[in-house]
């Protein structure tokens, strides 16, 4: 999975006011696992992606889009 997914995931989480711990609790996973998704060190399963979209109230397109960054903004 590319860094756009990780960036978009973090951006959506912050917009909702959730911490990484909030997200891991809602997904019933370890916080370390969630953190790896936001840092592009691993990727979630399809089932977890479905849950992310629902929890964060975003579209799949938003989550996988490369267009969510501001011009010149670095991913990491």
Protein backbone atom coordinates (compact mmCIF):
# COMPACT_ATOMS: atom_id res chain seq x y z
CA UNK A 1 0.00 0.00 0.00
CA UNK A 2 1.34 3.42 -0.80
CA UNK A 3 1.90 6.33 1.53
CA UNK A 4 -1.21 8.14 0.27
CA UNK A 5 -3.40 5.62 2.07
CA UNK A 6 -1.47 6.10 5.33
CA UNK A 7 -1.60 9.89 5.01
CA UNK A 8 -5.32 9.91 4.22
CA UNK A 9 -6.07 7.57 7.11
CA UNK A 10 -4.27 9.83 9.56
CA UNK A 11 -5.88 12.96 8.12
CA UNK A 12 -9.37 11.45 8.38
CA UNK A 13 -8.73 10.31 11.95
CA UNK A 14 -7.52 13.75 13.02
CA UNK A 15 -10.50 15.44 11.35
CA UNK A 16 -12.79 13.22 13.44
CA UNK A 17 -10.88 14.06 16.62
CA UNK A 18 -9.93 10.46 17.33
CA UNK A 19 -6.65 9.27 18.81
CA UNK A 20 -4.88 6.19 17.52
CA UNK A 21 -6.03 4.45 20.69
CA UNK A 22 -9.64 5.45 19.96
CA UNK A 23 -9.35 3.90 16.53
CA UNK A 24 -7.71 0.71 17.73
CA UNK A 25 -10.41 0.32 20.40
CA UNK A 26 -13.17 0.76 17.81
CA UNK A 27 -11.49 -1.75 15.50
CA UNK A 28 -10.69 -4.14 18.34
CA UNK A 29 -7.01 -4.28 17.39
CA UNK A 30 -3.71 -3.40 19.06
CA UNK A 31 -2.72 0.29 18.85
CA UNK A 32 0.65 -0.72 17.43
CA UNK A 33 -1.11 -2.43 14.54
CA UNK A 34 -3.10 0.73 13.82
CA UNK A 35 0.03 2.89 14.04
CA UNK A 36 1.71 0.72 11.41
CA UNK A 37 -1.16 1.49 9.02
CA UNK A 38 -0.67 5.24 9.48
CA UNK A 39 3.07 4.96 8.93
CA UNK A 40 2.74 2.70 5.86
CA UNK A 41 4.60 -0.13 7.58
CA UNK A 42 1.72 -2.55 7.09
CA UNK A 43 -1.74 -2.52 5.61
CA UNK A 44 -5.17 -3.41 6.96
CA UNK A 45 -7.29 -6.29 5.76
CA UNK A 46 -10.27 -5.65 3.51
CA UNK A 47 -12.57 -6.11 6.52
CA UNK A 48 -10.64 -3.49 8.48
CA UNK A 49 -10.73 -1.09 5.53
CA UNK A 50 -14.52 -1.48 5.47
CA UNK A 51 -14.64 -0.65 9.16
CA UNK A 52 -12.32 2.35 8.74
CA UNK A 53 -14.57 3.85 6.08
CA UNK A 54 -17.60 3.39 8.32
CA UNK A 55 -15.97 4.70 11.53
CA UNK A 56 -14.40 7.73 9.85
CA UNK A 57 -17.44 8.37 7.63
CA UNK A 58 -15.34 8.66 4.48
CA UNK A 59 -15.48 7.10 1.05
CA UNK A 60 -13.13 4.47 -0.29
CA UNK A 61 -12.12 7.02 -2.92
CA UNK A 62 -11.07 9.46 -0.22
CA UNK A 63 -9.03 6.82 1.59
CA UNK A 64 -7.11 5.78 -1.53
CA UNK A 65 -6.90 9.16 -3.29
CA UNK A 66 -3.63 10.93 -3.95
CA UNK A 67 -5.45 14.26 -4.17
CA UNK A 68 -5.94 14.92 -0.45
CA UNK A 69 -2.54 16.53 0.06
CA UNK A 70 -1.99 20.23 -0.31
CA UNK A 71 0.47 21.21 -3.03
CA UNK A 72 4.02 20.69 -1.83
CA UNK A 73 2.96 18.95 1.38
CA UNK A 74 5.09 15.92 2.18
CA UNK A 75 3.52 12.66 3.20
CA UNK A 76 6.05 11.88 5.92
